[in-house]
Amino acid sequence: PVFSGHFPGRPVVPGVLLLDWVQSAVQAHLGQDVCALIDAKFHAPATPTDALELEFDVQTAAIRFEVRSGLRKIASGRFDPPAVE
């Protein structure tokens, strides 16, 4: 259902779905919620058949991420890191 309207005959993965996947993966790795999305850039479309890889780096000021399909950069951005308790 997420592909209806994105786009008939040539489906792409909606950006919000990519961001949700990234956020869920980062939170699962950290064992806690991230605070907010600082920025996101979409460099190339991803299709439903693309194998996607996620790399992220947890830093004090931000959690940087990059989504790739092979050598093609799909998306990148930053989340605020979790608050230190």
C-alpha atoms as a PDB file:
ATOM      1  CA  PRO A   1       0.000   0.000   0.000  1.00  0.00           C
ATOM      2  CA  VAL A   2       2.860   2.486   0.605  1.00  0.00           C
ATOM      3  CA  PHE A   3       3.705   2.418  -3.095  1.00  0.00           C
ATOM      4  CA  SER A   4       0.314   3.535  -4.392  1.00  0.00           C
ATOM      5  CA  GLY A   5       0.839   7.030  -5.708  1.00  0.00           C
ATOM      6  CA  HIS A   6       4.654   6.618  -5.609  1.00  0.00           C
ATOM      7  CA  PHE A   7       4.399   6.177  -8.704  1.00  0.00           C
ATOM      8  CA  PRO A   8       2.113   3.938 -10.794  1.00  0.00           C
ATOM      9  CA  GLY A   9       4.171   1.934 -13.271  1.00  0.00           C
ATOM     10  CA  ARG A  10       7.469   2.982 -11.698  1.00  0.00           C
ATOM     11  CA  PRO A  11       7.218   2.654  -7.902  1.00  0.00           C
ATOM     12  CA  VAL A  12       9.706   4.324  -5.551  1.00  0.00           C
ATOM     13  CA  VAL A  13      10.088   3.974  -1.800  1.00  0.00           C
ATOM     14  CA  PRO A  14       8.579   7.081  -0.145  1.00  0.00           C
ATOM     15  CA  GLY A  15      11.087   9.203   1.761  1.00  0.00           C
ATOM     16  CA  VAL A  16       9.033   8.988   4.948  1.00  0.00           C
ATOM     17  CA  LEU A  17       9.293   5.191   4.820  1.00  0.00           C
ATOM     18  CA  LEU A  18      13.092   5.394   4.452  1.00  0.00           C
ATOM     19  CA  LEU A  19      13.320   7.785   7.410  1.00  0.00           C
ATOM     20  CA  ASP A  20      11.084   5.560   9.541  1.00  0.00           C
ATOM     21  CA  TRP A  21      13.320   2.565   8.746  1.00  0.00           C
ATOM     22  CA  VAL A  22      16.466   4.540   9.631  1.00  0.00           C
ATOM     23  CA  GLN A  23      14.975   5.852  12.882  1.00  0.00           C
ATOM     24  CA  SER A  24      13.772   2.382  13.915  1.00  0.00           C
ATOM     25  CA  ALA A  25      17.174   0.805  13.186  1.00  0.00           C
ATOM     26  CA  VAL A  26      19.092   3.501  15.085  1.00  0.00           C
ATOM     27  CA  GLN A  27      16.735   3.287  18.071  1.00  0.00           C
ATOM     28  CA  ALA A  28      16.990  -0.510  18.134  1.00  0.00           C
ATOM     29  CA  HIS A  29      20.799  -0.263  18.100  1.00  0.00           C
ATOM     30  CA  LEU A  30      20.888   2.372  20.864  1.00  0.00           C
ATOM     31  CA  GLY A  31      18.091   0.869  22.943  1.00  0.00           C
ATOM     32  CA  GLN A  32      16.449   4.281  23.273  1.00  0.00           C
ATOM     33  CA  ASP A  33      14.576   6.877  21.243  1.00  0.00           C
ATOM     34  CA  VAL A  34      16.308   9.535  19.178  1.00  0.00           C
ATOM     35  CA  CYS A  35      15.071  13.068  19.823  1.00  0.00           C
ATOM     36  CA  ALA A  36      14.483  14.702  16.440  1.00  0.00           C
ATOM     37  CA  LEU A  37      15.412  14.683  12.783  1.00  0.00           C
ATOM     38  CA  ILE A  38      17.798  17.597  12.162  1.00  0.00           C
ATOM     39  CA  ASP A  39      18.014  17.260   8.392  1.00  0.00           C
ATOM     40  CA  ALA A  40      17.563  14.768   5.587  1.00  0.00           C
ATOM     41  CA  LYS A  41      18.551  14.773   1.933  1.00  0.00           C
ATOM     42  CA  PHE A  42      17.275  12.422  -0.736  1.00  0.00           C
ATOM     43  CA  HIS A  43      19.948  11.924  -3.383  1.00  0.00           C
ATOM     44  CA  ALA A  44      18.400   9.218  -5.599  1.00  0.00           C
ATOM     45  CA  PRO A  45      15.152   7.264  -5.670  1.00  0.00           C
ATOM     46  CA  ALA A  46      14.976   3.753  -4.215  1.00  0.00           C
ATOM     47  CA  THR A  47      12.729   1.153  -5.809  1.00  0.00           C
ATOM     48  CA  PRO A  48      10.957  -1.658  -3.928  1.00  0.00           C
ATOM     49  CA  THR A  49      13.496  -4.158  -5.321  1.00  0.00           C
ATOM     50  CA  ASP A  50      16.647  -2.215  -4.298  1.00  0.00           C
ATOM     51  CA  ALA A  51      18.751  -3.793  -1.560  1.00  0.00           C
ATOM     52  CA  LEU A  52      19.350  -0.961   0.889  1.00  0.00           C
ATOM     53  CA  GLU A  53      22.214  -0.613   3.339  1.00  0.00           C
ATOM     54  CA  LEU A  54      22.278   1.704   6.329  1.00  0.00           C
ATOM     55  CA  GLU A  55      25.382   3.156   7.926  1.00  0.00           C
ATOM     56  CA  PHE A  56      25.221   5.486  10.889  1.00  0.00           C
ATOM     57  CA  ASP A  57      27.639   7.139  13.271  1.00  0.00           C
ATOM     58  CA  VAL A  58      26.634   8.138  16.786  1.00  0.00           C
ATOM     59  CA  GLN A  59      28.385  11.353  17.806  1.00  0.00           C
ATOM     60  CA  THR A  60      27.855  13.689  20.733  1.00  0.00           C
ATOM     61  CA  ALA A  61      26.244  16.409  18.619  1.00  0.00           C
ATOM     62  CA  ALA A  62      24.317  14.231  16.139  1.00  0.00           C
ATOM     63  CA  ILE A  63      23.661  10.770  14.751  1.00  0.00           C
ATOM     64  CA  ARG A  64      24.683  10.890  11.097  1.00  0.00           C
ATOM     65  CA  PHE A  65      23.238   8.354   8.667  1.00  0.00           C
ATOM     66  CA  GLU A  66      23.552   7.320   5.054  1.00  0.00           C
ATOM     67  CA  VAL A  67      21.382   4.926   3.052  1.00  0.00           C
ATOM     68  CA  ARG A  68      22.945   3.306  -0.021  1.00  0.00           C
ATOM     69  CA  SER A  69      22.010   0.835  -2.689  1.00  0.00           C
ATOM     70  CA  GLY A  70      25.335  -0.513  -3.874  1.00  0.00           C
ATOM     71  CA  LEU A  71      27.447   2.523  -4.784  1.00  0.00           C
ATOM     72  CA  ARG A  72      24.396   4.770  -5.163  1.00  0.00           C
ATOM     73  CA  LYS A  73      23.670   7.135  -2.263  1.00  0.00           C
ATOM     74  CA  ILE A  74      19.926   7.163  -1.635  1.00  0.00           C
ATOM     75  CA  ALA A  75      19.583   9.396   1.447  1.00  0.00           C
ATOM     76  CA  SER A  76      21.595  10.988   4.227  1.00  0.00           C
ATOM     77  CA  GLY A  77      20.928  13.129   7.253  1.00  0.00           C
ATOM     78  CA  ARG A  78      21.198  13.645  10.987  1.00  0.00           C
ATOM     79  CA  PHE A  79      19.170  12.988  14.120  1.00  0.00           C
ATOM     80  CA  ASP A  80      19.622  14.634  17.516  1.00  0.00           C
ATOM     81  CA  PRO A  81      21.232  12.094  19.828  1.00  0.00           C
ATOM     82  CA  PRO A  82      19.282  10.774  22.821  1.00  0.00           C
ATOM     83  CA  ALA A  83      19.455  12.881  25.947  1.00  0.00           C
ATOM     84  CA  VAL A  84      22.110  11.729  28.382  1.00  0.00           C
ATOM     85  CA  GLU A  85      20.539  10.765  31.690  1.00  0.00           C
END
